[in-house]
C-alpha atoms as a PDB file:
ATOM      1  CA  MET A   1     -74.581 -63.582   7.995  1.00  0.00           C
ATOM      2  CA  ILE A   2     -78.619 -64.626   8.723  1.00  0.00           C
ATOM      3  CA  ARG A   3     -80.012 -62.299  11.339  1.00  0.00           C
ATOM      4  CA  PRO A   4     -82.620 -63.568  13.944  1.00  0.00           C
ATOM      5  CA  PRO A   5     -86.100 -61.420  13.330  1.00  0.00           C
ATOM      6  CA  GLN A   6     -86.158 -58.662  15.484  1.00  0.00           C
ATOM      7  CA  ILE A   7     -89.280 -56.539  16.908  1.00  0.00           C
ATOM      8  CA  ALA A   8     -89.801 -52.829  17.328  1.00  0.00           C
ATOM      9  CA  ARG A   9     -88.085 -51.104  20.384  1.00  0.00           C
ATOM     10  CA  ASN A  10     -91.187 -49.590  21.305  1.00  0.00           C
ATOM     11  CA  ARG A  11     -90.028 -47.299  23.921  1.00  0.00           C
ATOM     12  CA  VAL A  12     -86.732 -45.704  23.933  1.00  0.00           C
ATOM     13  CA  ILE A  13     -85.477 -44.630  27.121  1.00  0.00           C
ATOM     14  CA  PRO A  14     -84.081 -40.867  27.381  1.00  0.00           C
ATOM     15  CA  TYR A  15     -80.607 -40.462  28.770  1.00  0.00           C
ATOM     16  CA  SER A  16     -80.207 -38.870  32.053  1.00  0.00           C
ATOM     17  CA  ALA A  17     -77.181 -37.865  33.392  1.00  0.00           C
ATOM     18  CA  ARG A  18     -75.526 -38.805  36.605  1.00  0.00           C
ATOM     19  CA  SER A  19     -74.941 -35.772  38.993  1.00  0.00           C
ATOM     20  CA  GLY A  20     -71.229 -35.767  39.923  1.00  0.00           C
ATOM     21  CA  VAL A  21     -69.673 -37.633  37.106  1.00  0.00           C
ATOM     22  CA  ALA A  22     -65.979 -36.768  36.558  1.00  0.00           C
ATOM     23  CA  GLY A  23     -64.825 -35.556  33.170  1.00  0.00           C
ATOM     24  CA  GLY A  24     -67.485 -32.812  32.424  1.00  0.00           C
ATOM     25  CA  GLN A  25     -69.189 -32.802  29.066  1.00  0.00           C
ATOM     26  CA  THR A  26     -66.417 -35.108  27.289  1.00  0.00           C
ATOM     27  CA  MET A  27     -67.505 -38.040  29.499  1.00  0.00           C
ATOM     28  CA  GLN A  28     -71.055 -37.213  29.034  1.00  0.00           C
ATOM     29  CA  GLU A  29     -70.844 -37.069  25.344  1.00  0.00           C
ATOM     30  CA  LYS A  30     -69.134 -40.649  25.349  1.00  0.00           C
ATOM     31  CA  ASP A  31     -71.896 -42.091  27.636  1.00  0.00           C
ATOM     32  CA  VAL A  32     -74.911 -40.588  25.556  1.00  0.00           C
ATOM     33  CA  VAL A  33     -73.073 -41.860  22.339  1.00  0.00           C
ATOM     34  CA  SER A  34     -72.402 -45.141  23.455  1.00  0.00           C
ATOM     35  CA  LYS A  35     -75.972 -45.894  25.313  1.00  0.00           C
ATOM     36  CA  ASP A  36     -77.674 -44.573  22.235  1.00  0.00           C
ATOM     37  CA  LEU A  37     -75.489 -46.906  19.855  1.00  0.00           C
ATOM     38  CA  LEU A  38     -76.551 -49.804  21.999  1.00  0.00           C
ATOM     39  CA  LYS A  39     -80.102 -49.400  22.197  1.00  0.00           C
ATOM     40  CA  ARG A  40     -80.217 -49.310  18.742  1.00  0.00           C
ATOM     41  CA  ILE A  41     -78.454 -52.666  18.291  1.00  0.00           C
ATOM     42  CA  THR A  42     -79.476 -54.371  21.655  1.00  0.00           C
ATOM     43  CA  LEU A  43     -80.302 -57.900  20.013  1.00  0.00           C
ATOM     44  CA  ASP A  44     -76.866 -57.802  17.972  1.00  0.00           C
ATOM     45  CA  ILE A  45     -74.953 -56.830  21.084  1.00  0.00           C
ATOM     46  CA  ALA A  46     -76.706 -59.865  23.133  1.00  0.00           C
ATOM     47  CA  ARG A  47     -75.360 -62.001  20.213  1.00  0.00           C
ATOM     48  CA  ILE A  48     -72.069 -60.595  19.441  1.00  0.00           C
ATOM     49  CA  LEU A  49     -70.769 -59.597  23.099  1.00  0.00           C
ATOM     50  CA  LEU A  50     -72.521 -61.912  25.173  1.00  0.00           C
ATOM     51  CA  GLY A  51     -73.028 -65.245  23.423  1.00  0.00           C
ATOM     52  CA  LEU A  52     -76.709 -65.349  23.893  1.00  0.00           C
ATOM     53  CA  GLU A  53     -79.159 -67.243  21.619  1.00  0.00           C
ATOM     54  CA  VAL A  54     -82.126 -64.521  21.586  1.00  0.00           C
ATOM     55  CA  GLU A  55     -84.545 -63.385  18.898  1.00  0.00           C
ATOM     56  CA  GLN A  56     -86.332 -60.946  20.540  1.00  0.00           C
ATOM     57  CA  ALA A  57     -85.723 -57.721  22.101  1.00  0.00           C
ATOM     58  CA  GLU A  58     -87.907 -55.036  24.069  1.00  0.00           C
ATOM     59  CA  ILE A  59     -86.729 -51.935  25.777  1.00  0.00           C
ATOM     60  CA  VAL A  60     -88.252 -51.806  29.063  1.00  0.00           C
ATOM     61  CA  GLU A  61     -88.861 -48.479  30.872  1.00  0.00           C
ATOM     62  CA  SER A  62     -86.991 -48.571  33.970  1.00  0.00           C
ATOM     63  CA  SER A  63     -86.932 -45.283  36.434  1.00  0.00           C
ATOM     64  CA  HIS A  64     -86.402 -45.206  40.031  1.00  0.00           C
ATOM     65  CA  PRO A  65     -86.858 -41.824  41.914  1.00  0.00           C
ATOM     66  CA  ARG A  66     -85.624 -41.396  45.289  1.00  0.00           C
ATOM     67  CA  VAL A  67     -83.589 -38.592  46.552  1.00  0.00           C
ATOM     68  CA  GLU A  68     -81.956 -38.438  42.992  1.00  0.00           C
ATOM     69  CA  GLU A  69     -83.493 -39.902  39.968  1.00  0.00           C
ATOM     70  CA  ARG A  70     -81.789 -42.991  38.817  1.00  0.00           C
ATOM     71  CA  ARG A  71     -82.320 -45.155  35.774  1.00  0.00           C
ATOM     72  CA  ALA A  72     -80.277 -48.072  34.077  1.00  0.00           C
ATOM     73  CA  ASP A  73     -78.622 -47.522  31.303  1.00  0.00           C
ATOM     74  CA  LEU A  74     -80.375 -50.333  29.266  1.00  0.00           C
ATOM     75  CA  VAL A  75     -82.964 -52.748  30.196  1.00  0.00           C
ATOM     76  CA  ALA A  76     -84.302 -55.216  27.483  1.00  0.00           C
ATOM     77  CA  ARG A  77     -86.518 -58.181  27.849  1.00  0.00           C
ATOM     78  CA  MET A  78     -84.778 -60.758  25.911  1.00  0.00           C
ATOM     79  CA  ALA A  79     -86.818 -63.902  24.175  1.00  0.00           C
ATOM     80  CA  GLY A  80     -85.055 -66.986  22.690  1.00  0.00           C
ATOM     81  CA  PRO A  81     -84.983 -70.693  22.879  1.00  0.00           C
ATOM     82  CA  ALA A  82     -83.820 -70.812  26.445  1.00  0.00           C
ATOM     83  CA  GLY A  83     -86.758 -68.509  27.376  1.00  0.00           C
ATOM     84  CA  GLN A  84     -87.373 -64.841  28.416  1.00  0.00           C
ATOM     85  CA  PHE A  85     -85.387 -62.758  30.612  1.00  0.00           C
ATOM     86  CA  LEU A  86     -84.588 -59.012  31.467  1.00  0.00           C
ATOM     87  CA  LEU A  87     -80.988 -58.059  30.386  1.00  0.00           C
ATOM     88  CA  HIS A  88     -79.671 -55.092  32.283  1.00  0.00           C
ATOM     89  CA  ILE A  89     -76.496 -53.598  30.308  1.00  0.00           C
ATOM     90  CA  GLU A  90     -74.762 -50.303  32.402  1.00  0.00           C
ATOM     91  CA  VAL A  91     -72.137 -48.970  30.192  1.00  0.00           C
ATOM     92  CA  GLN A  92     -69.116 -47.256  32.245  1.00  0.00           C
ATOM     93  CA  ASN A  93     -66.653 -44.805  31.188  1.00  0.00           C
ATOM     94  CA  GLY A  94     -64.257 -45.047  33.955  1.00  0.00           C
ATOM     95  CA  ASN A  95     -63.458 -47.055  36.943  1.00  0.00           C
ATOM     96  CA  ASP A  96     -65.352 -46.678  39.804  1.00  0.00           C
ATOM     97  CA  GLY A  97     -64.968 -48.558  43.255  1.00  0.00           C
ATOM     98  CA  GLN A  98     -68.561 -48.238  43.829  1.00  0.00           C
ATOM     99  CA  MET A  99     -69.764 -50.188  40.963  1.00  0.00           C
ATOM    100  CA  PRO A 100     -70.620 -53.261  42.492  1.00  0.00           C
ATOM    101  CA  CYS A 101     -73.092 -51.299  45.223  1.00  0.00           C
ATOM    102  CA  ARG A 102     -74.562 -49.374  42.097  1.00  0.00           C
ATOM    103  CA  MET A 103     -75.273 -52.540  40.048  1.00  0.00           C
ATOM    104  CA  LEU A 104     -76.849 -54.420  43.239  1.00  0.00           C
ATOM    105  CA  ARG A 105     -79.169 -51.126  43.652  1.00  0.00           C
ATOM    106  CA  TYR A 106     -79.916 -51.721  40.177  1.00  0.00           C
ATOM    107  CA  ARG A 107     -80.963 -55.360  40.421  1.00  0.00           C
ATOM    108  CA  SER A 108     -82.965 -54.702  43.565  1.00  0.00           C
ATOM    109  CA  ASP A 109     -84.886 -52.051  41.632  1.00  0.00           C
ATOM    110  CA  LEU A 110     -85.567 -54.384  38.818  1.00  0.00           C
ATOM    111  CA  CYS A 111     -86.799 -56.834  41.259  1.00  0.00           C
ATOM    112  CA  LEU A 112     -89.363 -54.694  42.688  1.00  0.00           C
ATOM    113  CA  GLN A 113     -90.430 -53.601  38.910  1.00  0.00           C
ATOM    114  CA  CYS A 114     -90.357 -56.899  37.393  1.00  0.00           C
ATOM    115  CA  THR A 115     -91.066 -59.568  39.699  1.00  0.00           C
ATOM    116  CA  ASP A 116     -90.355 -63.159  39.340  1.00  0.00           C
ATOM    117  CA  GLU A 117     -88.609 -62.278  35.973  1.00  0.00           C
ATOM    118  CA  ASP A 118     -84.902 -63.919  35.585  1.00  0.00           C
ATOM    119  CA  ILE A 119     -82.358 -61.000  35.667  1.00  0.00           C
ATOM    120  CA  ARG A 120     -79.212 -60.981  33.706  1.00  0.00           C
ATOM    121  CA  GLN A 121     -76.744 -58.006  34.448  1.00  0.00           C
ATOM    122  CA  VAL A 122     -73.540 -57.024  32.468  1.00  0.00           C
ATOM    123  CA  LEU A 123     -71.449 -54.013  32.997  1.00  0.00           C
ATOM    124  CA  LEU A 124     -69.994 -52.643  29.596  1.00  0.00           C
ATOM    125  CA  TYR A 125     -66.529 -51.073  30.175  1.00  0.00           C
ATOM    126  CA  ILE A 126     -65.687 -48.381  27.423  1.00  0.00           C
ATOM    127  CA  GLY A 127     -63.283 -46.171  29.416  1.00  0.00           C
ATOM    128  CA  LYS A 128     -59.382 -45.597  28.220  1.00  0.00           C
ATOM    129  CA  GLU A 129     -57.698 -46.961  31.175  1.00  0.00           C
ATOM    130  CA  PRO A 130     -57.252 -50.510  32.243  1.00  0.00           C
ATOM    131  CA  LEU A 131     -60.137 -52.201  33.692  1.00  0.00           C
ATOM    132  CA  ARG A 132     -59.951 -52.206  37.586  1.00  0.00           C
ATOM    133  CA  MET A 133     -63.460 -53.152  39.169  1.00  0.00           C
ATOM    134  CA  ALA A 134     -65.126 -55.912  40.707  1.00  0.00           C
ATOM    135  CA  SER A 135     -67.861 -58.093  39.029  1.00  0.00           C
ATOM    136  CA  GLY A 136     -69.394 -58.578  42.512  1.00  0.00           C
ATOM    137  CA  LEU A 137     -70.095 -58.174  46.040  1.00  0.00           C
ATOM    138  CA  ARG A 138     -69.221 -60.631  48.782  1.00  0.00           C
ATOM    139  CA  GLN A 139     -70.330 -60.048  52.448  1.00  0.00           C
ATOM    140  CA  THR A 140     -71.747 -62.107  55.033  1.00  0.00           C
ATOM    141  CA  GLY A 141     -74.893 -63.525  53.813  1.00  0.00           C
ATOM    142  CA  LEU A 142     -74.235 -61.925  50.404  1.00  0.00           C
ATOM    143  CA  ASP A 143     -72.643 -63.348  47.087  1.00  0.00           C
ATOM    144  CA  TYR A 144     -73.653 -60.903  44.428  1.00  0.00           C
ATOM    145  CA  GLN A 145     -72.097 -61.442  40.896  1.00  0.00           C
ATOM    146  CA  TYR A 146     -72.455 -59.677  37.460  1.00  0.00           C
ATOM    147  CA  GLU A 147     -70.650 -60.075  34.034  1.00  0.00           C
ATOM    148  CA  ILE A 148     -68.169 -57.413  32.947  1.00  0.00           C
ATOM    149  CA  VAL A 149     -67.456 -57.235  29.328  1.00  0.00           C
ATOM    150  CA  ASP A 150     -64.072 -55.099  28.760  1.00  0.00           C
ATOM    151  CA  MET A 151     -64.244 -53.504  25.060  1.00  0.00           C
ATOM    152  CA  HIS A 152     -60.372 -53.470  25.149  1.00  0.00           C
ATOM    153  CA  ARG A 153     -60.658 -57.331  24.984  1.00  0.00           C
ATOM    154  CA  VAL A 154     -63.434 -57.689  22.426  1.00  0.00           C
ATOM    155  CA  ASP A 155     -62.184 -58.419  18.892  1.00  0.00           C
ATOM    156  CA  CYS A 156     -62.964 -55.465  16.608  1.00  0.00           C
ATOM    157  CA  ALA A 157     -63.613 -57.928  13.757  1.00  0.00           C
ATOM    158  CA  ARG A 158     -66.905 -59.352  15.315  1.00  0.00           C
ATOM    159  CA  LEU A 159     -68.355 -56.161  14.941  1.00  0.00           C
ATOM    160  CA  LEU A 160     -67.068 -54.799  12.000  1.00  0.00           C
ATOM    161  CA  ALA A 161     -68.549 -58.331  10.607  1.00  0.00           C
ATOM    162  CA  GLU A 162     -71.773 -56.688  11.262  1.00  0.00           C
ATOM    163  CA  ASP A 163     -71.444 -54.170   8.744  1.00  0.00           C
ATOM    164  CA  SER A 164     -73.875 -51.811  10.293  1.00  0.00           C
ATOM    165  CA  PRO A 165     -72.800 -47.997  10.853  1.00  0.00           C
ATOM    166  CA  ASP A 166     -73.809 -48.550  14.973  1.00  0.00           C
ATOM    167  CA  ALA A 167     -71.472 -51.819  15.029  1.00  0.00           C
ATOM    168  CA  LEU A 168     -68.610 -49.846  13.055  1.00  0.00           C
ATOM    169  CA  VAL A 169     -68.755 -46.780  15.157  1.00  0.00           C
ATOM    170  CA  LEU A 170     -68.510 -49.169  18.602  1.00  0.00           C
ATOM    171  CA  ALA A 171     -65.573 -51.265  16.861  1.00  0.00           C
ATOM    172  CA  VAL A 172     -63.334 -48.470  17.662  1.00  0.00           C
ATOM    173  CA  LEU A 173     -63.574 -49.379  21.144  1.00  0.00           C
ATOM    174  CA  CYS A 174     -62.247 -52.798  20.540  1.00  0.00           C
ATOM    175  CA  ASP A 175     -59.064 -54.730  20.291  1.00  0.00           C
ATOM    176  CA  PHE A 176     -57.720 -54.239  16.896  1.00  0.00           C
ATOM    177  CA  GLN A 177     -55.057 -57.440  17.278  1.00  0.00           C
ATOM    178  CA  ASP A 178     -52.502 -57.215  14.731  1.00  0.00           C
ATOM    179  CA  ARG A 179     -54.284 -54.860  12.436  1.00  0.00           C
ATOM    180  CA  SER A 180     -53.065 -51.417  11.872  1.00  0.00           C
ATOM    181  CA  PRO A 181     -55.254 -48.799  13.839  1.00  0.00           C
ATOM    182  CA  ARG A 182     -55.053 -46.643  10.944  1.00  0.00           C
ATOM    183  CA  ALA A 183     -56.289 -49.164   8.470  1.00  0.00           C
ATOM    184  CA  VAL A 184     -59.215 -49.991  10.760  1.00  0.00           C
ATOM    185  CA  ILE A 185     -60.342 -46.429  11.060  1.00  0.00           C
ATOM    186  CA  ARG A 186     -59.854 -46.186   7.405  1.00  0.00           C
ATOM    187  CA  TYR A 187     -62.261 -48.948   6.722  1.00  0.00           C
ATOM    188  CA  ILE A 188     -64.486 -47.804   9.247  1.00  0.00           C
ATOM    189  CA  LEU A 189     -64.842 -44.753   7.543  1.00  0.00           C
ATOM    190  CA  ASP A 190     -65.232 -46.104   4.031  1.00  0.00           C
ATOM    191  CA  ARG A 191     -67.804 -48.507   5.337  1.00  0.00           C
ATOM    192  CA  LEU A 192     -69.957 -45.455   6.830  1.00  0.00           C
ATOM    193  CA  GLN A 193     -69.679 -43.635   3.628  1.00  0.00           C
ATOM    194  CA  VAL A 194     -71.184 -46.549   1.667  1.00  0.00           C
ATOM    195  CA  LEU A 195     -74.000 -47.615   4.125  1.00  0.00           C
ATOM    196  CA  THR A 196     -74.814 -43.969   4.366  1.00  0.00           C
ATOM    197  CA  GLU A 197     -74.713 -42.953   0.901  1.00  0.00           C
ATOM    198  CA  GLY A 198     -77.514 -40.285  -0.276  1.00  0.00           C
ATOM    199  CA  THR A 199     -78.040 -39.097   3.640  1.00  0.00           C
ATOM    200  CA  PRO A 200     -74.948 -36.793   4.329  1.00  0.00           C
ATOM    201  CA  ALA A 201     -76.522 -35.921   7.728  1.00  0.00           C
ATOM    202  CA  ARG A 202     -76.780 -39.212   8.764  1.00  0.00           C
ATOM    203  CA  PHE A 203     -73.281 -39.592   7.516  1.00  0.00           C
ATOM    204  CA  ARG A 204     -72.055 -36.493   9.599  1.00  0.00           C
ATOM    205  CA  ASP A 205     -73.533 -37.931  12.546  1.00  0.00           C
ATOM    206  CA  TYR A 206     -71.922 -41.147  12.509  1.00  0.00           C
ATOM    207  CA  LEU A 207     -68.524 -39.227  12.346  1.00  0.00           C
ATOM    208  CA  LYS A 208     -69.185 -37.340  15.249  1.00  0.00           C
ATOM    209  CA  MET A 209     -69.893 -40.197  17.165  1.00  0.00           C
ATOM    210  CA  LEU A 210     -66.755 -42.181  15.819  1.00  0.00           C
ATOM    211  CA  GLU A 211     -64.643 -38.783  16.862  1.00  0.00           C
ATOM    212  CA  ILE A 212     -65.944 -38.772  20.261  1.00  0.00           C
ATOM    213  CA  LEU A 213     -65.416 -42.650  21.195  1.00  0.00           C
ATOM    214  CA  SER A 214     -62.201 -42.821  19.244  1.00  0.00           C
ATOM    215  CA  SER A 215     -60.662 -40.391  21.961  1.00  0.00           C
ATOM    216  CA  ASN A 216     -61.032 -43.332  24.434  1.00  0.00           C
ATOM    217  CA  ARG A 217     -58.348 -45.182  22.530  1.00  0.00           C
ATOM    218  CA  ASN A 218     -56.161 -42.212  21.633  1.00  0.00           C
ATOM    219  CA  LEU A 219     -57.406 -42.480  17.919  1.00  0.00           C
ATOM    220  CA  TYR A 220     -59.195 -39.052  17.403  1.00  0.00           C
ATOM    221  CA  GLU A 221     -56.299 -37.358  15.764  1.00  0.00           C
ATOM    222  CA  VAL A 222     -56.037 -40.682  13.247  1.00  0.00           C
ATOM    223  CA  VAL A 223     -59.566 -40.135  12.770  1.00  0.00           C
ATOM    224  CA  LYS A 224     -59.488 -36.437  11.951  1.00  0.00           C
ATOM    225  CA  GLU A 225     -56.618 -37.287   9.398  1.00  0.00           C
ATOM    226  CA  GLU A 226     -58.186 -40.016   7.731  1.00  0.00           C
ATOM    227  CA  GLN A 227     -61.658 -37.918   7.461  1.00  0.00           C
ATOM    228  CA  THR A 228     -59.486 -35.025   5.748  1.00  0.00           C
ATOM    229  CA  MET A 229     -57.970 -37.462   3.465  1.00  0.00           C
ATOM    230  CA  LEU A 230     -61.483 -38.835   2.709  1.00  0.00           C
ATOM    231  CA  SER A 231     -62.861 -35.707   1.854  1.00  0.00           C
ATOM    232  CA  GLU A 232     -59.489 -34.217   0.035  1.00  0.00           C
ATOM    233  CA  VAL A 233     -59.440 -37.266  -2.746  1.00  0.00           C
ATOM    234  CA  LEU A 234     -63.375 -37.389  -3.012  1.00  0.00           C
ATOM    235  CA  ILE A 235     -62.875 -41.222  -2.671  1.00  0.00           C
ATOM    236  CA  THR A 236     -66.494 -41.592  -3.385  1.00  0.00           C
ATOM    237  CA  GLU A 237     -65.579 -41.172  -7.061  1.00  0.00           C
ATOM    238  CA  LEU A 238     -63.331 -44.433  -6.566  1.00  0.00           C
ATOM    239  CA  PRO A 239     -64.471 -48.066  -7.307  1.00  0.00           C
ATOM    240  CA  SER A 240     -63.098 -48.556  -3.624  1.00  0.00           C
ATOM    241  CA  TYR A 241     -63.476 -51.659  -1.607  1.00  0.00           C
ATOM    242  CA  GLY A 242     -67.683 -52.415  -0.960  1.00  0.00           C
ATOM    243  CA  LEU A 243     -69.127 -49.918  -3.568  1.00  0.00           C
ATOM    244  CA  GLY A 244     -70.220 -52.461  -5.697  1.00  0.00           C
ATOM    245  CA  MET A 245     -70.420 -50.346  -8.921  1.00  0.00           C
ATOM    246  CA  GLU A 246     -68.225 -48.343 -11.075  1.00  0.00           C
ATOM    247  CA  ARG A 247     -68.350 -44.544 -11.025  1.00  0.00           C
ATOM    248  CA  GLY A 248     -67.144 -42.332 -13.884  1.00  0.00           C
ATOM    249  CA  MET A 249     -65.263 -42.839 -16.809  1.00  0.00           C
ATOM    250  CA  GLU A 250     -61.904 -44.993 -16.664  1.00  0.00           C
ATOM    251  CA  ARG A 251     -60.101 -41.992 -17.242  1.00  0.00           C
ATOM    252  CA  GLY A 252     -61.701 -40.119 -13.944  1.00  0.00           C
ATOM    253  CA  GLU A 253     -60.826 -43.257 -12.179  1.00  0.00           C
ATOM    254  CA  GLN A 254     -57.154 -43.200 -13.142  1.00  0.00           C
ATOM    255  CA  LEU A 255     -56.881 -39.529 -12.074  1.00  0.00           C
ATOM    256  CA  MET A 256     -58.431 -40.229  -8.739  1.00  0.00           C
ATOM    257  CA  LEU A 257     -56.553 -43.229  -7.962  1.00  0.00           C
ATOM    258  CA  SER A 258     -53.375 -41.237  -9.174  1.00  0.00           C
ATOM    259  CA  ARG A 259     -54.230 -38.514  -6.624  1.00  0.00           C
ATOM    260  CA  LEU A 260     -54.716 -40.759  -3.650  1.00  0.00           C
ATOM    261  CA  LEU A 261     -51.402 -42.367  -4.214  1.00  0.00           C
ATOM    262  CA  GLN A 262     -49.891 -39.211  -4.285  1.00  0.00           C
ATOM    263  CA  LYS A 263     -51.711 -38.185  -1.098  1.00  0.00           C
ATOM    264  CA  ARG A 264     -50.334 -41.344   0.832  1.00  0.00           C
ATOM    265  CA  PHE A 265     -47.039 -41.772  -0.936  1.00  0.00           C
ATOM    266  CA  GLY A 266     -45.503 -38.499  -2.619  1.00  0.00           C
ATOM    267  CA  PRO A 267     -44.690 -37.836  -6.003  1.00  0.00           C
ATOM    268  CA  LEU A 268     -45.379 -40.972  -7.989  1.00  0.00           C
ATOM    269  CA  PRO A 269     -42.298 -42.609 -10.089  1.00  0.00           C
ATOM    270  CA  PRO A 270     -42.712 -42.224 -13.843  1.00  0.00           C
ATOM    271  CA  ARG A 271     -43.151 -45.805 -14.050  1.00  0.00           C
ATOM    272  CA  ILE A 272     -45.943 -46.342 -11.868  1.00  0.00           C
ATOM    273  CA  GLN A 273     -47.727 -42.985 -13.465  1.00  0.00           C
ATOM    274  CA  ALA A 274     -47.570 -44.845 -16.886  1.00  0.00           C
ATOM    275  CA  ARG A 275     -48.758 -48.094 -15.444  1.00  0.00           C
ATOM    276  CA  LEU A 276     -51.904 -46.401 -14.060  1.00  0.00           C
ATOM    277  CA  GLU A 277     -52.462 -44.399 -17.750  1.00  0.00           C
ATOM    278  CA  VAL A 278     -52.893 -48.085 -19.482  1.00  0.00           C
ATOM    279  CA  ALA A 279     -54.462 -49.928 -16.481  1.00  0.00           C
ATOM    280  CA  SER A 280     -57.856 -51.642 -17.032  1.00  0.00           C
ATOM    281  CA  THR A 281     -60.677 -50.937 -14.543  1.00  0.00           C
ATOM    282  CA  THR A 282     -60.255 -54.155 -13.000  1.00  0.00           C
ATOM    283  CA  GLU A 283     -56.697 -53.337 -12.078  1.00  0.00           C
ATOM    284  CA  LEU A 284     -57.775 -50.033 -10.801  1.00  0.00           C
ATOM    285  CA  GLU A 285     -60.413 -51.502  -8.442  1.00  0.00           C
ATOM    286  CA  THR A 286     -57.662 -53.958  -7.468  1.00  0.00           C
ATOM    287  CA  TRP A 287     -55.191 -51.156  -6.728  1.00  0.00           C
ATOM    288  CA  ALA A 288     -57.983 -49.091  -4.774  1.00  0.00           C
ATOM    289  CA  GLU A 289     -58.490 -51.892  -2.511  1.00  0.00           C
ATOM    290  CA  GLN A 290     -54.799 -52.298  -1.808  1.00  0.00           C
ATOM    291  CA  VAL A 291     -54.340 -48.733  -1.002  1.00  0.00           C
ATOM    292  CA  LEU A 292     -57.295 -49.140   1.743  1.00  0.00           C
ATOM    293  CA  ASP A 293     -55.739 -52.211   3.227  1.00  0.00           C
ATOM    294  CA  GLY A 294     -52.539 -50.159   3.762  1.00  0.00           C
ATOM    295  CA  LEU A 295     -50.291 -51.923   1.104  1.00  0.00           C
ATOM    296  CA  GLY A 296     -47.074 -49.960  -0.007  1.00  0.00           C
ATOM    297  CA  LEU A 297     -46.151 -49.108  -3.680  1.00  0.00           C
ATOM    298  CA  GLU A 298     -43.725 -51.841  -3.936  1.00  0.00           C
ATOM    299  CA  GLN A 299     -46.380 -54.658  -3.156  1.00  0.00           C
ATOM    300  CA  MET A 300     -48.921 -53.034  -5.223  1.00  0.00           C
ATOM    301  CA  PHE A 301     -46.650 -52.723  -8.132  1.00  0.00           C
ATOM    302  CA  PRO A 302     -44.290 -55.530  -8.289  1.00  0.00           C
ATOM    303  CA  ASP A 303     -43.598 -55.479 -11.853  1.00  0.00           C
ATOM    304  CA  ALA A 304     -43.482 -51.487 -12.507  1.00  0.00           C
END
């Protein structure tokens, strides 16, 4: 995929928690994680989720103190073939009947701050419950609308295809279509490990983000189980999908794949164990990919 050129995000807006948000620290953590990820891939989000033709994105400072401090989650000045505009993205973790009024207030603040600039507003809903919020406000003399993107309805393949750690973590909030949730989680973990290779602290940070957001899709336990399996079988020693290089001796690959299969399916029949012992490196790589894709033993070894 050819990515449009990006410019540096010259000002990162610090997160300011809203007072009175229900759900305690867990909801706050989800807000912090999702907003932080969005700021790091603003340009990609505009293209992937909103279908915008943009080439540059610059974070805009947006803070409006009144009785309480209030700042928009993300405001970026976007530039592309159609010209320049302000993109305001607000992340919402739960249904809020006052959301149209809040969005209107953000817009009025931005109008005062950035006079004469076109503004496009998007509400990004990441909550667990089905979306039940209006996309605008109609009153006498007022017809106000904004766009809502429900992550429940976004095909996860669109973010998985970006193959960046930030996009992979956000993909857990999307629609898996007919894909097995466990297989998708397994793929995300595998790619995160590959993309953060050599930086274990960075890998742990993304794992924490994935755990936090996965609870919104009731996948927290699946993430923990797959994470444990990843650790137990030392999957980094396997020639698994996407690694693009061989690791270790052929015998080591055989032993590691055998351990992975036993962890997944239990004790292996002697015929399959014998097949592994005489397998070529290419065959071992193929089977490793099939395990990660969720295939069963009969599909992997039809002739054994």
